[in-house]
């Protein structure tokens, strides 16, 4: 079974490159769809959404845009700039930090903040899973 080289996301063989690009395209489609749905939701409901949630959503959109741009460049040009490594490290660090924070503070947090923090953790796990599939 062909495998990817560890250092540059280069593939051994044409079939493996096709598989990697197919996963990249699937991820790109998923990101664009999520970005579009979120944009529509913001346009329709920004007047009833609280400021903290809008900030969170805008940061999420910024991250999606960065990932979309990177995937587009990988598919089109085959360039890899250690994006995945940095993203995985950052997400893992945030997961661990937030888990420790929750362990020590969840009893003092209001229900809304606790729920949003747990949702963010789940989103981080999804991002991590998606990034690991693309490597």
C-alpha atoms as a PDB file:
ATOM      1  CA  UNK A   1       0.000   0.000   0.000  1.00  0.00           C
ATOM      2  CA  UNK A   2       1.472   3.375  -0.970  1.00  0.00           C
ATOM      3  CA  UNK A   3       2.163   5.807   1.830  1.00  0.00           C
ATOM      4  CA  UNK A   4       3.009   9.434   2.258  1.00  0.00           C
ATOM      5  CA  UNK A   5       6.457  10.620   3.154  1.00  0.00           C
ATOM      6  CA  UNK A   6       6.556  12.160   6.593  1.00  0.00           C
ATOM      7  CA  UNK A   7       8.497  15.311   5.873  1.00  0.00           C
ATOM      8  CA  UNK A   8       6.795  17.053   2.955  1.00  0.00           C
ATOM      9  CA  UNK A   9       3.377  15.467   2.416  1.00  0.00           C
ATOM     10  CA  UNK A  10       4.789  14.089  -0.818  1.00  0.00           C
ATOM     11  CA  UNK A  11       3.264  10.876  -2.000  1.00  0.00           C
ATOM     12  CA  UNK A  12       4.772   7.622  -3.226  1.00  0.00           C
ATOM     13  CA  UNK A  13       3.076   6.903  -6.544  1.00  0.00           C
ATOM     14  CA  UNK A  14       0.323   8.452  -8.597  1.00  0.00           C
ATOM     15  CA  UNK A  15      -2.514   6.500  -6.933  1.00  0.00           C
ATOM     16  CA  UNK A  16      -1.559   7.797  -3.528  1.00  0.00           C
ATOM     17  CA  UNK A  17      -1.425  11.384  -4.817  1.00  0.00           C
ATOM     18  CA  UNK A  18      -4.922  10.959  -6.263  1.00  0.00           C
ATOM     19  CA  UNK A  19      -6.193   9.637  -2.919  1.00  0.00           C
ATOM     20  CA  UNK A  20      -4.594  12.501  -1.013  1.00  0.00           C
ATOM     21  CA  UNK A  21      -5.991  15.091  -3.410  1.00  0.00           C
ATOM     22  CA  UNK A  22      -9.432  13.465  -3.255  1.00  0.00           C
ATOM     23  CA  UNK A  23      -9.383  13.825   0.545  1.00  0.00           C
ATOM     24  CA  UNK A  24      -8.180  17.403   0.195  1.00  0.00           C
ATOM     25  CA  UNK A  25     -11.006  18.207  -2.210  1.00  0.00           C
ATOM     26  CA  UNK A  26     -13.561  16.598   0.124  1.00  0.00           C
ATOM     27  CA  UNK A  27     -12.196  18.668   3.001  1.00  0.00           C
ATOM     28  CA  UNK A  28     -12.221  21.805   0.839  1.00  0.00           C
ATOM     29  CA  UNK A  29     -15.864  21.211  -0.106  1.00  0.00           C
ATOM     30  CA  UNK A  30     -16.770  20.639   3.548  1.00  0.00           C
ATOM     31  CA  UNK A  31     -15.011  23.838   4.647  1.00  0.00           C
ATOM     32  CA  UNK A  32     -16.615  25.938   1.899  1.00  0.00           C
ATOM     33  CA  UNK A  33     -20.071  24.571   2.729  1.00  0.00           C
ATOM     34  CA  UNK A  34     -19.610  25.301   6.447  1.00  0.00           C
ATOM     35  CA  UNK A  35     -18.277  28.772   5.655  1.00  0.00           C
ATOM     36  CA  UNK A  36     -21.239  29.509   3.385  1.00  0.00           C
ATOM     37  CA  UNK A  37     -23.835  28.254   5.881  1.00  0.00           C
ATOM     38  CA  UNK A  38     -22.248  30.320   8.640  1.00  0.00           C
ATOM     39  CA  UNK A  39     -22.182  33.437   6.451  1.00  0.00           C
ATOM     40  CA  UNK A  40     -25.882  33.017   5.693  1.00  0.00           C
ATOM     41  CA  UNK A  41     -26.650  32.466   9.358  1.00  0.00           C
ATOM     42  CA  UNK A  42     -24.748  35.623  10.305  1.00  0.00           C
ATOM     43  CA  UNK A  43     -26.562  37.649   7.649  1.00  0.00           C
ATOM     44  CA  UNK A  44     -29.961  36.392   8.757  1.00  0.00           C
ATOM     45  CA  UNK A  45     -29.478  36.381  12.523  1.00  0.00           C
ATOM     46  CA  UNK A  46     -26.724  38.840  13.399  1.00  0.00           C
ATOM     47  CA  UNK A  47     -29.250  41.134  15.023  1.00  0.00           C
ATOM     48  CA  UNK A  48     -30.209  38.461  17.593  1.00  0.00           C
ATOM     49  CA  UNK A  49     -26.791  36.903  18.200  1.00  0.00           C
ATOM     50  CA  UNK A  50     -24.765  38.118  21.168  1.00  0.00           C
ATOM     51  CA  UNK A  51     -21.416  39.830  20.683  1.00  0.00           C
ATOM     52  CA  UNK A  52     -19.315  36.987  22.152  1.00  0.00           C
ATOM     53  CA  UNK A  53     -20.860  34.473  19.790  1.00  0.00           C
ATOM     54  CA  UNK A  54     -20.304  36.773  16.814  1.00  0.00           C
ATOM     55  CA  UNK A  55     -16.630  37.125  17.787  1.00  0.00           C
ATOM     56  CA  UNK A  56     -16.331  33.345  18.073  1.00  0.00           C
ATOM     57  CA  UNK A  57     -17.994  32.801  14.696  1.00  0.00           C
ATOM     58  CA  UNK A  58     -15.832  35.421  12.982  1.00  0.00           C
ATOM     59  CA  UNK A  59     -12.680  33.744  14.333  1.00  0.00           C
ATOM     60  CA  UNK A  60     -13.995  30.388  13.159  1.00  0.00           C
ATOM     61  CA  UNK A  61     -14.643  31.859   9.711  1.00  0.00           C
ATOM     62  CA  UNK A  62     -11.124  33.318   9.611  1.00  0.00           C
ATOM     63  CA  UNK A  63      -9.680  29.876  10.402  1.00  0.00           C
ATOM     64  CA  UNK A  64     -11.830  28.270   7.719  1.00  0.00           C
ATOM     65  CA  UNK A  65     -10.707  30.849   5.159  1.00  0.00           C
ATOM     66  CA  UNK A  66      -7.076  30.121   6.016  1.00  0.00           C
ATOM     67  CA  UNK A  67      -7.645  26.380   5.644  1.00  0.00           C
ATOM     68  CA  UNK A  68      -9.528  26.868   2.356  1.00  0.00           C
ATOM     69  CA  UNK A  69      -6.673  28.956   0.958  1.00  0.00           C
ATOM     70  CA  UNK A  70      -4.098  26.410   2.070  1.00  0.00           C
ATOM     71  CA  UNK A  71      -6.003  23.439   0.626  1.00  0.00           C
ATOM     72  CA  UNK A  72      -6.490  25.287  -2.649  1.00  0.00           C
ATOM     73  CA  UNK A  73      -2.745  25.916  -2.855  1.00  0.00           C
ATOM     74  CA  UNK A  74      -1.917  22.311  -2.005  1.00  0.00           C
ATOM     75  CA  UNK A  75      -4.255  20.962  -4.655  1.00  0.00           C
ATOM     76  CA  UNK A  76      -3.247  23.474  -7.312  1.00  0.00           C
ATOM     77  CA  UNK A  77       0.480  23.788  -6.656  1.00  0.00           C
ATOM     78  CA  UNK A  78       1.400  20.873  -4.390  1.00  0.00           C
ATOM     79  CA  UNK A  79       3.113  23.196  -1.917  1.00  0.00           C
ATOM     80  CA  UNK A  80       3.336  22.325   1.750  1.00  0.00           C
ATOM     81  CA  UNK A  81       4.464  24.932   4.244  1.00  0.00           C
ATOM     82  CA  UNK A  82       4.125  22.892   7.436  1.00  0.00           C
ATOM     83  CA  UNK A  83       0.572  24.203   7.804  1.00  0.00           C
ATOM     84  CA  UNK A  84      -0.743  20.913   9.137  1.00  0.00           C
ATOM     85  CA  UNK A  85       2.011  20.491  11.672  1.00  0.00           C
ATOM     86  CA  UNK A  86       1.463  23.985  13.084  1.00  0.00           C
ATOM     87  CA  UNK A  87      -2.309  23.619  13.082  1.00  0.00           C
ATOM     88  CA  UNK A  88      -2.229  20.207  14.776  1.00  0.00           C
ATOM     89  CA  UNK A  89       0.183  21.456  17.438  1.00  0.00           C
ATOM     90  CA  UNK A  90      -1.916  24.552  18.079  1.00  0.00           C
ATOM     91  CA  UNK A  91      -5.196  22.644  18.301  1.00  0.00           C
ATOM     92  CA  UNK A  92      -3.694  19.990  20.576  1.00  0.00           C
ATOM     93  CA  UNK A  93      -2.266  22.703  22.845  1.00  0.00           C
ATOM     94  CA  UNK A  94      -5.627  24.471  23.039  1.00  0.00           C
ATOM     95  CA  UNK A  95      -7.447  21.191  23.715  1.00  0.00           C
ATOM     96  CA  UNK A  96      -5.159  20.348  26.610  1.00  0.00           C
ATOM     97  CA  UNK A  97      -5.181  23.859  28.071  1.00  0.00           C
ATOM     98  CA  UNK A  98      -8.963  24.092  27.920  1.00  0.00           C
ATOM     99  CA  UNK A  99      -9.439  20.611  29.403  1.00  0.00           C
ATOM    100  CA  UNK A 100      -7.287  21.617  32.376  1.00  0.00           C
ATOM    101  CA  UNK A 101      -9.189  24.862  32.688  1.00  0.00           C
ATOM    102  CA  UNK A 102     -12.526  23.033  32.631  1.00  0.00           C
ATOM    103  CA  UNK A 103     -11.322  20.495  35.195  1.00  0.00           C
ATOM    104  CA  UNK A 104     -10.571  23.290  37.640  1.00  0.00           C
ATOM    105  CA  UNK A 105     -13.298  25.813  36.811  1.00  0.00           C
ATOM    106  CA  UNK A 106     -16.382  24.133  35.360  1.00  0.00           C
ATOM    107  CA  UNK A 107     -18.189  24.268  38.696  1.00  0.00           C
ATOM    108  CA  UNK A 108     -17.796  28.044  38.775  1.00  0.00           C
ATOM    109  CA  UNK A 109     -18.815  28.692  35.166  1.00  0.00           C
ATOM    110  CA  UNK A 110     -22.287  29.745  34.101  1.00  0.00           C
ATOM    111  CA  UNK A 111     -24.165  27.176  32.017  1.00  0.00           C
ATOM    112  CA  UNK A 112     -23.974  29.136  28.752  1.00  0.00           C
ATOM    113  CA  UNK A 113     -20.199  29.631  28.943  1.00  0.00           C
ATOM    114  CA  UNK A 114     -19.654  26.023  29.921  1.00  0.00           C
ATOM    115  CA  UNK A 115     -21.775  24.810  26.997  1.00  0.00           C
ATOM    116  CA  UNK A 116     -20.003  27.082  24.503  1.00  0.00           C
ATOM    117  CA  UNK A 117     -16.599  25.982  25.795  1.00  0.00           C
ATOM    118  CA  UNK A 118     -17.544  22.337  25.459  1.00  0.00           C
ATOM    119  CA  UNK A 119     -18.825  22.984  21.921  1.00  0.00           C
ATOM    120  CA  UNK A 120     -15.521  24.643  21.077  1.00  0.00           C
ATOM    121  CA  UNK A 121     -13.667  21.597  22.409  1.00  0.00           C
ATOM    122  CA  UNK A 122     -15.764  19.339  20.185  1.00  0.00           C
ATOM    123  CA  UNK A 123     -15.026  21.603  17.218  1.00  0.00           C
ATOM    124  CA  UNK A 124     -11.297  21.363  17.989  1.00  0.00           C
ATOM    125  CA  UNK A 125     -11.533  17.563  18.059  1.00  0.00           C
ATOM    126  CA  UNK A 126     -13.266  17.621  14.652  1.00  0.00           C
ATOM    127  CA  UNK A 127     -10.622  19.953  13.233  1.00  0.00           C
ATOM    128  CA  UNK A 128      -7.867  17.726  14.583  1.00  0.00           C
ATOM    129  CA  UNK A 129      -9.457  14.648  13.038  1.00  0.00           C
ATOM    130  CA  UNK A 130      -9.872  16.394   9.675  1.00  0.00           C
ATOM    131  CA  UNK A 131      -6.278  17.622   9.656  1.00  0.00           C
ATOM    132  CA  UNK A 132      -4.924  14.208  10.562  1.00  0.00           C
ATOM    133  CA  UNK A 133      -6.854  12.644   7.660  1.00  0.00           C
ATOM    134  CA  UNK A 134      -5.264  15.097   5.246  1.00  0.00           C
ATOM    135  CA  UNK A 135      -1.681  14.390   6.263  1.00  0.00           C
END
